[in-house]
Amino acid sequence: MSSLLTFLVVGLVAVLVAGVALSVIGAVFGLAIGLAGLLLFKVAPIILIGYLVVRFLGPKRRSLSEADRKWLES
Protein backbone atom coordinates (compact mmCIF):
# COMPACT_ATOMS: atom_id res chain seq x y z
CA MET A 1 0.00 0.00 0.00
CA SER A 2 2.81 2.44 0.79
CA SER A 3 4.47 1.83 -2.59
CA LEU A 4 1.17 2.61 -4.32
CA LEU A 5 0.91 5.92 -2.44
CA THR A 6 4.55 6.66 -3.25
CA PHE A 7 3.91 6.13 -6.97
CA LEU A 8 0.82 8.31 -6.74
CA VAL A 9 2.72 11.16 -5.06
CA VAL A 10 5.68 10.88 -7.46
CA GLY A 11 3.33 10.85 -10.45
CA LEU A 12 1.41 13.84 -9.14
CA VAL A 13 4.62 15.80 -8.55
CA ALA A 14 5.85 14.87 -12.04
CA VAL A 15 2.61 16.07 -13.64
CA LEU A 16 2.76 19.34 -11.71
CA VAL A 17 6.42 19.93 -12.62
CA ALA A 18 5.74 19.13 -16.29
CA GLY A 19 2.77 21.52 -16.29
CA VAL A 20 4.81 24.35 -14.82
CA ALA A 21 7.70 23.71 -17.22
CA LEU A 22 5.40 23.66 -20.25
CA SER A 23 3.65 26.83 -19.13
CA VAL A 24 7.00 28.62 -18.75
CA ILE A 25 8.10 27.43 -22.20
CA GLY A 26 4.75 28.55 -23.65
CA ALA A 27 5.10 31.98 -22.04
CA VAL A 28 8.62 32.40 -23.45
CA PHE A 29 7.49 31.41 -26.94
CA GLY A 30 4.46 33.68 -26.66
CA LEU A 31 6.62 36.64 -25.68
CA ALA A 32 9.09 35.90 -28.48
CA ILE A 33 6.34 35.69 -31.10
CA GLY A 34 4.73 38.85 -29.74
CA LEU A 35 8.02 40.73 -29.89
CA ALA A 36 8.72 39.47 -33.41
CA GLY A 37 5.23 40.55 -34.50
CA LEU A 38 5.70 43.97 -32.95
CA LEU A 39 9.03 44.48 -34.67
CA LEU A 40 7.82 43.15 -38.01
CA PHE A 41 4.47 44.92 -38.27
CA LYS A 42 4.93 48.10 -36.21
CA VAL A 43 8.61 49.06 -36.13
CA ALA A 44 9.89 47.81 -39.50
CA PRO A 45 7.41 49.82 -41.64
CA ILE A 46 8.28 53.02 -39.77
CA ILE A 47 12.00 52.38 -40.26
CA LEU A 48 11.42 51.57 -43.95
CA ILE A 49 9.45 54.77 -44.53
CA GLY A 50 12.10 56.82 -42.73
CA TYR A 51 14.85 55.22 -44.79
CA LEU A 52 13.00 55.89 -48.05
CA VAL A 53 12.31 59.51 -47.12
CA VAL A 54 15.95 60.13 -46.24
CA ARG A 55 17.13 58.25 -49.32
CA PHE A 56 14.97 60.02 -51.89
CA LEU A 57 14.19 63.39 -50.31
CA GLY A 58 17.46 64.00 -48.50
CA PRO A 59 20.24 66.17 -49.80
CA LYS A 60 22.06 64.80 -52.81
CA ARG A 61 25.74 64.01 -52.53
CA ARG A 62 27.95 66.51 -54.20
CA SER A 63 31.54 65.99 -55.10
CA LEU A 64 34.10 68.16 -53.37
CA SER A 65 35.86 70.92 -55.20
CA GLU A 66 39.64 70.97 -55.46
CA ALA A 67 39.89 73.72 -52.83
CA ASP A 68 37.80 71.68 -50.39
CA ARG A 69 39.92 68.57 -50.96
CA LYS A 70 43.13 70.50 -50.35
CA TRP A 71 41.69 72.04 -47.18
CA LEU A 72 40.59 68.63 -45.86
CA GLU A 73 43.90 66.96 -46.63
CA SER A 74 45.99 69.63 -44.95
C-alpha atoms as a PDB file:
ATOM      1  CA  MET A   1       0.000   0.000   0.000  1.00  0.00           C
ATOM      2  CA  SER A   2       2.815   2.441   0.789  1.00  0.00           C
ATOM      3  CA  SER A   3       4.471   1.829  -2.594  1.00  0.00           C
ATOM      4  CA  LEU A   4       1.172   2.614  -4.319  1.00  0.00           C
ATOM      5  CA  LEU A   5       0.913   5.917  -2.440  1.00  0.00           C
ATOM      6  CA  THR A   6       4.553   6.662  -3.251  1.00  0.00           C
ATOM      7  CA  PHE A   7       3.914   6.127  -6.965  1.00  0.00           C
ATOM      8  CA  LEU A   8       0.816   8.312  -6.737  1.00  0.00           C
ATOM      9  CA  VAL A   9       2.718  11.159  -5.058  1.00  0.00           C
ATOM     10  CA  VAL A  10       5.679  10.882  -7.459  1.00  0.00           C
ATOM     11  CA  GLY A  11       3.334  10.847 -10.452  1.00  0.00           C
ATOM     12  CA  LEU A  12       1.408  13.841  -9.145  1.00  0.00           C
ATOM     13  CA  VAL A  13       4.617  15.798  -8.551  1.00  0.00           C
ATOM     14  CA  ALA A  14       5.854  14.865 -12.044  1.00  0.00           C
ATOM     15  CA  VAL A  15       2.608  16.067 -13.637  1.00  0.00           C
ATOM     16  CA  LEU A  16       2.764  19.341 -11.707  1.00  0.00           C
ATOM     17  CA  VAL A  17       6.422  19.929 -12.623  1.00  0.00           C
ATOM     18  CA  ALA A  18       5.736  19.128 -16.286  1.00  0.00           C
ATOM     19  CA  GLY A  19       2.766  21.516 -16.287  1.00  0.00           C
ATOM     20  CA  VAL A  20       4.815  24.348 -14.815  1.00  0.00           C
ATOM     21  CA  ALA A  21       7.696  23.707 -17.217  1.00  0.00           C
ATOM     22  CA  LEU A  22       5.403  23.657 -20.250  1.00  0.00           C
ATOM     23  CA  SER A  23       3.646  26.829 -19.132  1.00  0.00           C
ATOM     24  CA  VAL A  24       6.997  28.620 -18.751  1.00  0.00           C
ATOM     25  CA  ILE A  25       8.100  27.425 -22.197  1.00  0.00           C
ATOM     26  CA  GLY A  26       4.752  28.549 -23.647  1.00  0.00           C
ATOM     27  CA  ALA A  27       5.104  31.977 -22.039  1.00  0.00           C
ATOM     28  CA  VAL A  28       8.616  32.396 -23.448  1.00  0.00           C
ATOM     29  CA  PHE A  29       7.490  31.407 -26.941  1.00  0.00           C
ATOM     30  CA  GLY A  30       4.462  33.679 -26.661  1.00  0.00           C
ATOM     31  CA  LEU A  31       6.624  36.644 -25.683  1.00  0.00           C
ATOM     32  CA  ALA A  32       9.093  35.902 -28.482  1.00  0.00           C
ATOM     33  CA  ILE A  33       6.339  35.687 -31.099  1.00  0.00           C
ATOM     34  CA  GLY A  34       4.731  38.852 -29.740  1.00  0.00           C
ATOM     35  CA  LEU A  35       8.021  40.728 -29.886  1.00  0.00           C
ATOM     36  CA  ALA A  36       8.715  39.473 -33.406  1.00  0.00           C
ATOM     37  CA  GLY A  37       5.229  40.547 -34.498  1.00  0.00           C
ATOM     38  CA  LEU A  38       5.697  43.973 -32.949  1.00  0.00           C
ATOM     39  CA  LEU A  39       9.030  44.480 -34.668  1.00  0.00           C
ATOM     40  CA  LEU A  40       7.815  43.150 -38.012  1.00  0.00           C
ATOM     41  CA  PHE A  41       4.469  44.921 -38.265  1.00  0.00           C
ATOM     42  CA  LYS A  42       4.931  48.095 -36.209  1.00  0.00           C
ATOM     43  CA  VAL A  43       8.610  49.061 -36.132  1.00  0.00           C
ATOM     44  CA  ALA A  44       9.888  47.813 -39.495  1.00  0.00           C
ATOM     45  CA  PRO A  45       7.410  49.824 -41.641  1.00  0.00           C
ATOM     46  CA  ILE A  46       8.283  53.022 -39.774  1.00  0.00           C
ATOM     47  CA  ILE A  47      11.999  52.381 -40.260  1.00  0.00           C
ATOM     48  CA  LEU A  48      11.419  51.572 -43.948  1.00  0.00           C
ATOM     49  CA  ILE A  49       9.446  54.772 -44.533  1.00  0.00           C
ATOM     50  CA  GLY A  50      12.097  56.817 -42.733  1.00  0.00           C
ATOM     51  CA  TYR A  51      14.849  55.219 -44.795  1.00  0.00           C
ATOM     52  CA  LEU A  52      13.000  55.887 -48.053  1.00  0.00           C
ATOM     53  CA  VAL A  53      12.310  59.510 -47.119  1.00  0.00           C
ATOM     54  CA  VAL A  54      15.946  60.130 -46.237  1.00  0.00           C
ATOM     55  CA  ARG A  55      17.135  58.250 -49.319  1.00  0.00           C
ATOM     56  CA  PHE A  56      14.966  60.020 -51.890  1.00  0.00           C
ATOM     57  CA  LEU A  57      14.194  63.391 -50.312  1.00  0.00           C
ATOM     58  CA  GLY A  58      17.460  63.995 -48.501  1.00  0.00           C
ATOM     59  CA  PRO A  59      20.241  66.170 -49.805  1.00  0.00           C
ATOM     60  CA  LYS A  60      22.063  64.796 -52.812  1.00  0.00           C
ATOM     61  CA  ARG A  61      25.738  64.006 -52.530  1.00  0.00           C
ATOM     62  CA  ARG A  62      27.955  66.515 -54.196  1.00  0.00           C
ATOM     63  CA  SER A  63      31.544  65.991 -55.101  1.00  0.00           C
ATOM     64  CA  LEU A  64      34.098  68.162 -53.370  1.00  0.00           C
ATOM     65  CA  SER A  65      35.861  70.925 -55.197  1.00  0.00           C
ATOM     66  CA  GLU A  66      39.643  70.965 -55.463  1.00  0.00           C
ATOM     67  CA  ALA A  67      39.888  73.718 -52.835  1.00  0.00           C
ATOM     68  CA  ASP A  68      37.802  71.683 -50.395  1.00  0.00           C
ATOM     69  CA  ARG A  69      39.917  68.570 -50.957  1.00  0.00           C
ATOM     70  CA  LYS A  70      43.128  70.499 -50.347  1.00  0.00           C
ATOM     71  CA  TRP A  71      41.689  72.040 -47.183  1.00  0.00           C
ATOM     72  CA  LEU A  72      40.587  68.627 -45.858  1.00  0.00           C
ATOM     73  CA  GLU A  73      43.902  66.957 -46.627  1.00  0.00           C
ATOM     74  CA  SER A  74      45.991  69.629 -44.950  1.00  0.00           C
END
